């Protein structure tokens, strides 16, 4: 990371250095600590068994407070699986004799994913004009109104061949390789649930 920072322009280096990216590890610790106003702002790992865990799964909690003396605090929980679950909580002590938490509210991220298993034999690859092999997979099982964003190979087996993949024309996955090989694996396709563009 230090080598990367050394090659960034000064403005990017300043932005990186100002980023609060420290993860405060609190697995198996009571999530109620995050709802305590004396807990420092930051990012926290959350264990499924933590008290007041809004979903009961692993995740990250982001805690932010105003510094203007109004007594506002925001806590946002991001679940690890399913990855589209987000919960918010808000504390207000401004202008009230009964300060307290508002309760966990659901927020949905528009991004979701699906896993696709693909098995290929050497005969299924097509040769492009520049000699590379490719395979177009159309059965990717995302909702018809979704927008495919990206694809990532999660695991694979077969002949090593430096296979890569990507989403094309929001209608299929393309796998690419130098040689026609026997290959199989799981590909995770990320998509936006409804078209916003």
C-alpha atoms as a PDB file:
ATOM      1  CA  UNK A   1       0.000   0.000   0.000  1.00  0.00           C
ATOM      2  CA  UNK A   2       2.845   2.387   0.815  1.00  0.00           C
ATOM      3  CA  UNK A   3       4.275   1.840  -2.682  1.00  0.00           C
ATOM      4  CA  UNK A   4       0.899   2.686  -4.189  1.00  0.00           C
ATOM      5  CA  UNK A   5       0.568   5.865  -2.135  1.00  0.00           C
ATOM      6  CA  UNK A   6       4.024   6.983  -3.245  1.00  0.00           C
ATOM      7  CA  UNK A   7       2.826   6.977  -6.871  1.00  0.00           C
ATOM      8  CA  UNK A   8      -0.365   8.936  -6.265  1.00  0.00           C
ATOM      9  CA  UNK A   9      -0.645  12.677  -6.861  1.00  0.00           C
ATOM     10  CA  UNK A  10      -0.633  14.748  -3.674  1.00  0.00           C
ATOM     11  CA  UNK A  11      -4.407  15.290  -3.700  1.00  0.00           C
ATOM     12  CA  UNK A  12      -5.054  11.513  -3.795  1.00  0.00           C
ATOM     13  CA  UNK A  13      -2.482  10.945  -1.045  1.00  0.00           C
ATOM     14  CA  UNK A  14      -4.172  13.546   1.133  1.00  0.00           C
ATOM     15  CA  UNK A  15      -7.579  11.951   0.559  1.00  0.00           C
ATOM     16  CA  UNK A  16      -6.217   8.501   1.429  1.00  0.00           C
ATOM     17  CA  UNK A  17      -4.559   9.748   4.604  1.00  0.00           C
ATOM     18  CA  UNK A  18      -7.794  11.391   5.725  1.00  0.00           C
ATOM     19  CA  UNK A  19      -9.814   8.207   5.190  1.00  0.00           C
ATOM     20  CA  UNK A  20     -10.980   6.619   8.451  1.00  0.00           C
ATOM     21  CA  UNK A  21     -10.480   3.003   7.449  1.00  0.00           C
ATOM     22  CA  UNK A  22      -9.448   1.313  10.713  1.00  0.00           C
ATOM     23  CA  UNK A  23     -11.544  -1.728  11.576  1.00  0.00           C
ATOM     24  CA  UNK A  24     -12.206  -2.068  15.292  1.00  0.00           C
ATOM     25  CA  UNK A  25     -12.449  -5.812  15.923  1.00  0.00           C
ATOM     26  CA  UNK A  26     -15.215  -6.691  18.348  1.00  0.00           C
ATOM     27  CA  UNK A  27     -16.293 -10.231  17.458  1.00  0.00           C
ATOM     28  CA  UNK A  28     -18.343 -11.876  20.230  1.00  0.00           C
ATOM     29  CA  UNK A  29     -18.728  -8.471  21.891  1.00  0.00           C
ATOM     30  CA  UNK A  30     -22.090  -6.984  22.689  1.00  0.00           C
ATOM     31  CA  UNK A  31     -23.301  -4.851  19.793  1.00  0.00           C
ATOM     32  CA  UNK A  32     -24.946  -2.634  22.405  1.00  0.00           C
ATOM     33  CA  UNK A  33     -21.494  -1.085  22.788  1.00  0.00           C
ATOM     34  CA  UNK A  34     -22.092   0.459  19.382  1.00  0.00           C
ATOM     35  CA  UNK A  35     -25.282   2.035  20.657  1.00  0.00           C
ATOM     36  CA  UNK A  36     -23.439   3.594  23.597  1.00  0.00           C
ATOM     37  CA  UNK A  37     -22.684   7.264  22.960  1.00  0.00           C
ATOM     38  CA  UNK A  38     -19.262   6.894  24.601  1.00  0.00           C
ATOM     39  CA  UNK A  39     -18.130   4.349  21.947  1.00  0.00           C
ATOM     40  CA  UNK A  40     -15.833   6.036  19.427  1.00  0.00           C
ATOM     41  CA  UNK A  41     -16.953   6.599  15.855  1.00  0.00           C
ATOM     42  CA  UNK A  42     -15.592   4.093  13.371  1.00  0.00           C
ATOM     43  CA  UNK A  43     -16.151   0.761  11.687  1.00  0.00           C
ATOM     44  CA  UNK A  44     -16.741  -2.398  13.731  1.00  0.00           C
ATOM     45  CA  UNK A  45     -16.872  -6.093  12.892  1.00  0.00           C
ATOM     46  CA  UNK A  46     -20.055  -7.718  14.182  1.00  0.00           C
ATOM     47  CA  UNK A  47     -20.574 -11.328  15.228  1.00  0.00           C
ATOM     48  CA  UNK A  48     -23.933 -13.078  14.545  1.00  0.00           C
ATOM     49  CA  UNK A  49     -24.478 -13.717  18.263  1.00  0.00           C
ATOM     50  CA  UNK A  50     -23.965 -10.071  19.227  1.00  0.00           C
ATOM     51  CA  UNK A  51     -26.808  -8.559  21.237  1.00  0.00           C
ATOM     52  CA  UNK A  52     -28.971  -6.153  19.200  1.00  0.00           C
ATOM     53  CA  UNK A  53     -27.567  -7.518  15.942  1.00  0.00           C
ATOM     54  CA  UNK A  54     -30.472  -6.517  13.670  1.00  0.00           C
ATOM     55  CA  UNK A  55     -30.080  -9.465  11.292  1.00  0.00           C
ATOM     56  CA  UNK A  56     -28.214 -12.154  13.268  1.00  0.00           C
ATOM     57  CA  UNK A  57     -25.392 -12.514  10.749  1.00  0.00           C
ATOM     58  CA  UNK A  58     -21.801 -11.333  10.373  1.00  0.00           C
ATOM     59  CA  UNK A  59     -21.377  -7.778   9.251  1.00  0.00           C
ATOM     60  CA  UNK A  60     -19.824  -4.373   9.651  1.00  0.00           C
ATOM     61  CA  UNK A  61     -21.271  -1.515  11.686  1.00  0.00           C
ATOM     62  CA  UNK A  62     -20.442   2.078  10.890  1.00  0.00           C
ATOM     63  CA  UNK A  63     -20.871   4.522  13.779  1.00  0.00           C
ATOM     64  CA  UNK A  64     -20.978   8.271  13.119  1.00  0.00           C
ATOM     65  CA  UNK A  65     -21.832  11.114  15.508  1.00  0.00           C
ATOM     66  CA  UNK A  66     -22.269  14.815  14.949  1.00  0.00           C
ATOM     67  CA  UNK A  67     -19.659  16.981  16.615  1.00  0.00           C
ATOM     68  CA  UNK A  68     -21.899  20.009  17.020  1.00  0.00           C
ATOM     69  CA  UNK A  69     -23.230  19.063  20.473  1.00  0.00           C
ATOM     70  CA  UNK A  70     -26.696  18.090  19.190  1.00  0.00           C
ATOM     71  CA  UNK A  71     -26.404  14.495  20.373  1.00  0.00           C
ATOM     72  CA  UNK A  72     -27.146  12.805  17.080  1.00  0.00           C
ATOM     73  CA  UNK A  73     -25.612   9.409  16.320  1.00  0.00           C
ATOM     74  CA  UNK A  74     -26.073   7.192  13.272  1.00  0.00           C
ATOM     75  CA  UNK A  75     -25.341   3.467  13.224  1.00  0.00           C
ATOM     76  CA  UNK A  76     -25.492   1.541   9.947  1.00  0.00           C
ATOM     77  CA  UNK A  77     -25.201  -2.266   9.827  1.00  0.00           C
ATOM     78  CA  UNK A  78     -24.066  -3.957   6.593  1.00  0.00           C
ATOM     79  CA  UNK A  79     -24.657  -7.720   6.546  1.00  0.00           C
ATOM     80  CA  UNK A  80     -22.094  -9.970   4.885  1.00  0.00           C
ATOM     81  CA  UNK A  81     -24.699 -12.441   3.595  1.00  0.00           C
ATOM     82  CA  UNK A  82     -27.008 -11.787   2.015  1.00  0.00           C
ATOM     83  CA  UNK A  83     -24.982  -8.780   0.939  1.00  0.00           C
ATOM     84  CA  UNK A  84     -27.996  -6.614   0.103  1.00  0.00           C
ATOM     85  CA  UNK A  85     -29.173  -6.212   3.731  1.00  0.00           C
ATOM     86  CA  UNK A  86     -28.572  -2.858   5.399  1.00  0.00           C
ATOM     87  CA  UNK A  87     -30.071  -1.621   8.674  1.00  0.00           C
ATOM     88  CA  UNK A  88     -29.926   1.907  10.130  1.00  0.00           C
ATOM     89  CA  UNK A  89     -30.467   3.202  13.653  1.00  0.00           C
ATOM     90  CA  UNK A  90     -30.567   6.812  14.828  1.00  0.00           C
ATOM     91  CA  UNK A  91     -30.052   8.276  18.304  1.00  0.00           C
ATOM     92  CA  UNK A  92     -31.461  11.706  19.113  1.00  0.00           C
ATOM     93  CA  UNK A  93     -30.930  13.632  22.321  1.00  0.00           C
ATOM     94  CA  UNK A  94     -31.447  17.090  20.820  1.00  0.00           C
ATOM     95  CA  UNK A  95     -34.331  19.033  22.332  1.00  0.00           C
ATOM     96  CA  UNK A  96     -35.861  16.076  24.152  1.00  0.00           C
ATOM     97  CA  UNK A  97     -36.056  14.980  27.770  1.00  0.00           C
ATOM     98  CA  UNK A  98     -36.269  11.340  26.681  1.00  0.00           C
ATOM     99  CA  UNK A  99     -33.302  10.731  24.371  1.00  0.00           C
ATOM    100  CA  UNK A 100     -33.095   7.319  22.761  1.00  0.00           C
ATOM    101  CA  UNK A 101     -32.691   5.114  19.748  1.00  0.00           C
ATOM    102  CA  UNK A 102     -35.296   5.081  17.028  1.00  0.00           C
ATOM    103  CA  UNK A 103     -34.914   1.347  16.271  1.00  0.00           C
ATOM    104  CA  UNK A 104     -33.450  -0.554  13.357  1.00  0.00           C
ATOM    105  CA  UNK A 105     -34.867   0.481   9.987  1.00  0.00           C
ATOM    106  CA  UNK A 106     -34.395  -1.525   6.794  1.00  0.00           C
ATOM    107  CA  UNK A 107     -32.494  -0.094   3.868  1.00  0.00           C
ATOM    108  CA  UNK A 108     -32.023  -2.147   0.753  1.00  0.00           C
ATOM    109  CA  UNK A 109     -28.948  -1.832  -1.369  1.00  0.00           C
ATOM    110  CA  UNK A 110     -29.807  -2.029  -5.056  1.00  0.00           C
ATOM    111  CA  UNK A 111     -26.885  -4.418  -5.632  1.00  0.00           C
ATOM    112  CA  UNK A 112     -27.409  -8.174  -5.429  1.00  0.00           C
ATOM    113  CA  UNK A 113     -25.646 -11.226  -6.874  1.00  0.00           C
ATOM    114  CA  UNK A 114     -26.218 -14.721  -8.164  1.00  0.00           C
ATOM    115  CA  UNK A 115     -23.778 -17.624  -8.439  1.00  0.00           C
ATOM    116  CA  UNK A 116     -23.567 -19.584 -11.698  1.00  0.00           C
ATOM    117  CA  UNK A 117     -21.826 -22.931 -12.157  1.00  0.00           C
ATOM    118  CA  UNK A 118     -20.292 -23.500 -15.581  1.00  0.00           C
ATOM    119  CA  UNK A 119     -18.607 -26.652 -16.937  1.00  0.00           C
ATOM    120  CA  UNK A 120     -16.761 -26.393 -20.268  1.00  0.00           C
ATOM    121  CA  UNK A 121     -15.118 -28.949 -22.521  1.00  0.00           C
ATOM    122  CA  UNK A 122     -12.475 -27.934 -25.107  1.00  0.00           C
ATOM    123  CA  UNK A 123     -15.064 -28.221 -27.903  1.00  0.00           C
ATOM    124  CA  UNK A 124     -17.295 -25.497 -26.405  1.00  0.00           C
ATOM    125  CA  UNK A 125     -14.747 -22.689 -26.841  1.00  0.00           C
ATOM    126  CA  UNK A 126     -14.918 -20.472 -29.947  1.00  0.00           C
ATOM    127  CA  UNK A 127     -11.847 -18.897 -31.549  1.00  0.00           C
ATOM    128  CA  UNK A 128     -11.883 -15.092 -31.979  1.00  0.00           C
ATOM    129  CA  UNK A 129     -10.324 -13.192 -34.904  1.00  0.00           C
ATOM    130  CA  UNK A 130      -7.165 -12.617 -32.861  1.00  0.00           C
ATOM    131  CA  UNK A 131      -6.839 -16.312 -31.931  1.00  0.00           C
ATOM    132  CA  UNK A 132      -8.088 -16.163 -28.323  1.00  0.00           C
ATOM    133  CA  UNK A 133     -10.711 -18.619 -27.128  1.00  0.00           C
ATOM    134  CA  UNK A 134     -14.040 -17.439 -25.711  1.00  0.00           C
ATOM    135  CA  UNK A 135     -17.337 -18.871 -24.504  1.00  0.00           C
ATOM    136  CA  UNK A 136     -20.588 -16.873 -24.209  1.00  0.00           C
ATOM    137  CA  UNK A 137     -22.893 -18.055 -21.431  1.00  0.00           C
ATOM    138  CA  UNK A 138     -26.462 -16.725 -21.700  1.00  0.00           C
ATOM    139  CA  UNK A 139     -28.174 -18.632 -18.849  1.00  0.00           C
ATOM    140  CA  UNK A 140     -27.105 -16.286 -16.084  1.00  0.00           C
ATOM    141  CA  UNK A 141     -30.412 -16.166 -14.170  1.00  0.00           C
ATOM    142  CA  UNK A 142     -30.618 -12.503 -13.181  1.00  0.00           C
ATOM    143  CA  UNK A 143     -33.991 -10.687 -13.115  1.00  0.00           C
ATOM    144  CA  UNK A 144     -35.127  -9.335 -16.483  1.00  0.00           C
ATOM    145  CA  UNK A 145     -35.168  -5.719 -15.245  1.00  0.00           C
ATOM    146  CA  UNK A 146     -31.703  -5.960 -13.660  1.00  0.00           C
ATOM    147  CA  UNK A 147     -28.490  -4.399 -14.905  1.00  0.00           C
ATOM    148  CA  UNK A 148     -25.463  -6.724 -14.848  1.00  0.00           C
ATOM    149  CA  UNK A 149     -22.498  -4.904 -13.319  1.00  0.00           C
ATOM    150  CA  UNK A 150     -19.577  -7.328 -13.102  1.00  0.00           C
ATOM    151  CA  UNK A 151     -18.610 -10.991 -12.755  1.00  0.00           C
ATOM    152  CA  UNK A 152     -15.981 -12.699 -10.620  1.00  0.00           C
ATOM    153  CA  UNK A 153     -14.686 -16.293 -10.704  1.00  0.00           C
ATOM    154  CA  UNK A 154     -15.201 -17.574  -7.138  1.00  0.00           C
ATOM    155  CA  UNK A 155     -13.603 -21.012  -7.578  1.00  0.00           C
ATOM    156  CA  UNK A 156     -12.544 -23.261 -10.435  1.00  0.00           C
ATOM    157  CA  UNK A 157     -11.230 -26.695 -11.376  1.00  0.00           C
ATOM    158  CA  UNK A 158      -9.832 -28.318 -14.491  1.00  0.00           C
ATOM    159  CA  UNK A 159      -6.876 -27.415 -16.656  1.00  0.00           C
ATOM    160  CA  UNK A 160      -5.082 -24.215 -15.593  1.00  0.00           C
ATOM    161  CA  UNK A 161      -5.495 -21.684 -18.376  1.00  0.00           C
ATOM    162  CA  UNK A 162      -5.839 -18.155 -17.030  1.00  0.00           C
ATOM    163  CA  UNK A 163      -9.601 -17.932 -17.641  1.00  0.00           C
ATOM    164  CA  UNK A 164     -11.180 -14.486 -17.239  1.00  0.00           C
ATOM    165  CA  UNK A 165     -14.833 -13.428 -17.375  1.00  0.00           C
ATOM    166  CA  UNK A 166     -17.018 -10.343 -17.695  1.00  0.00           C
ATOM    167  CA  UNK A 167     -20.590  -9.204 -18.334  1.00  0.00           C
ATOM    168  CA  UNK A 168     -21.357  -8.256 -21.947  1.00  0.00           C
ATOM    169  CA  UNK A 169     -24.261  -6.215 -23.322  1.00  0.00           C
ATOM    170  CA  UNK A 170     -26.234  -6.893 -20.123  1.00  0.00           C
ATOM    171  CA  UNK A 171     -27.278 -10.203 -21.648  1.00  0.00           C
ATOM    172  CA  UNK A 172     -24.500 -12.764 -21.208  1.00  0.00           C
ATOM    173  CA  UNK A 173     -21.208 -13.676 -19.555  1.00  0.00           C
ATOM    174  CA  UNK A 174     -18.100 -14.074 -21.633  1.00  0.00           C
ATOM    175  CA  UNK A 175     -15.259 -16.322 -20.521  1.00  0.00           C
ATOM    176  CA  UNK A 176     -11.911 -15.931 -22.253  1.00  0.00           C
ATOM    177  CA  UNK A 177      -8.780 -18.076 -22.380  1.00  0.00           C
ATOM    178  CA  UNK A 178      -5.662 -18.514 -24.518  1.00  0.00           C
ATOM    179  CA  UNK A 179      -6.348 -22.219 -25.201  1.00  0.00           C
ATOM    180  CA  UNK A 180      -9.430 -24.425 -25.449  1.00  0.00           C
ATOM    181  CA  UNK A 181      -9.328 -26.287 -22.143  1.00  0.00           C
ATOM    182  CA  UNK A 182     -11.545 -28.350 -19.854  1.00  0.00           C
ATOM    183  CA  UNK A 183     -12.666 -25.877 -17.223  1.00  0.00           C
ATOM    184  CA  UNK A 184     -15.363 -25.595 -14.577  1.00  0.00           C
ATOM    185  CA  UNK A 185     -16.150 -23.153 -11.835  1.00  0.00           C
ATOM    186  CA  UNK A 186     -18.529 -20.894  -9.958  1.00  0.00           C
ATOM    187  CA  UNK A 187     -18.956 -17.348 -11.231  1.00  0.00           C
ATOM    188  CA  UNK A 188     -20.605 -14.657  -9.113  1.00  0.00           C
ATOM    189  CA  UNK A 189     -22.533 -12.072 -11.144  1.00  0.00           C
ATOM    190  CA  UNK A 190     -23.310  -8.768  -9.416  1.00  0.00           C
ATOM    191  CA  UNK A 191     -26.305  -6.803 -10.654  1.00  0.00           C
ATOM    192  CA  UNK A 192     -28.468  -3.794  -9.807  1.00  0.00           C
ATOM    193  CA  UNK A 193     -31.940  -5.018  -8.881  1.00  0.00           C
ATOM    194  CA  UNK A 194     -33.860  -2.489 -11.002  1.00  0.00           C
ATOM    195  CA  UNK A 195     -32.583  -0.252 -13.751  1.00  0.00           C
ATOM    196  CA  UNK A 196     -31.892   3.199 -12.369  1.00  0.00           C
ATOM    197  CA  UNK A 197     -30.280   4.499 -15.537  1.00  0.00           C
END
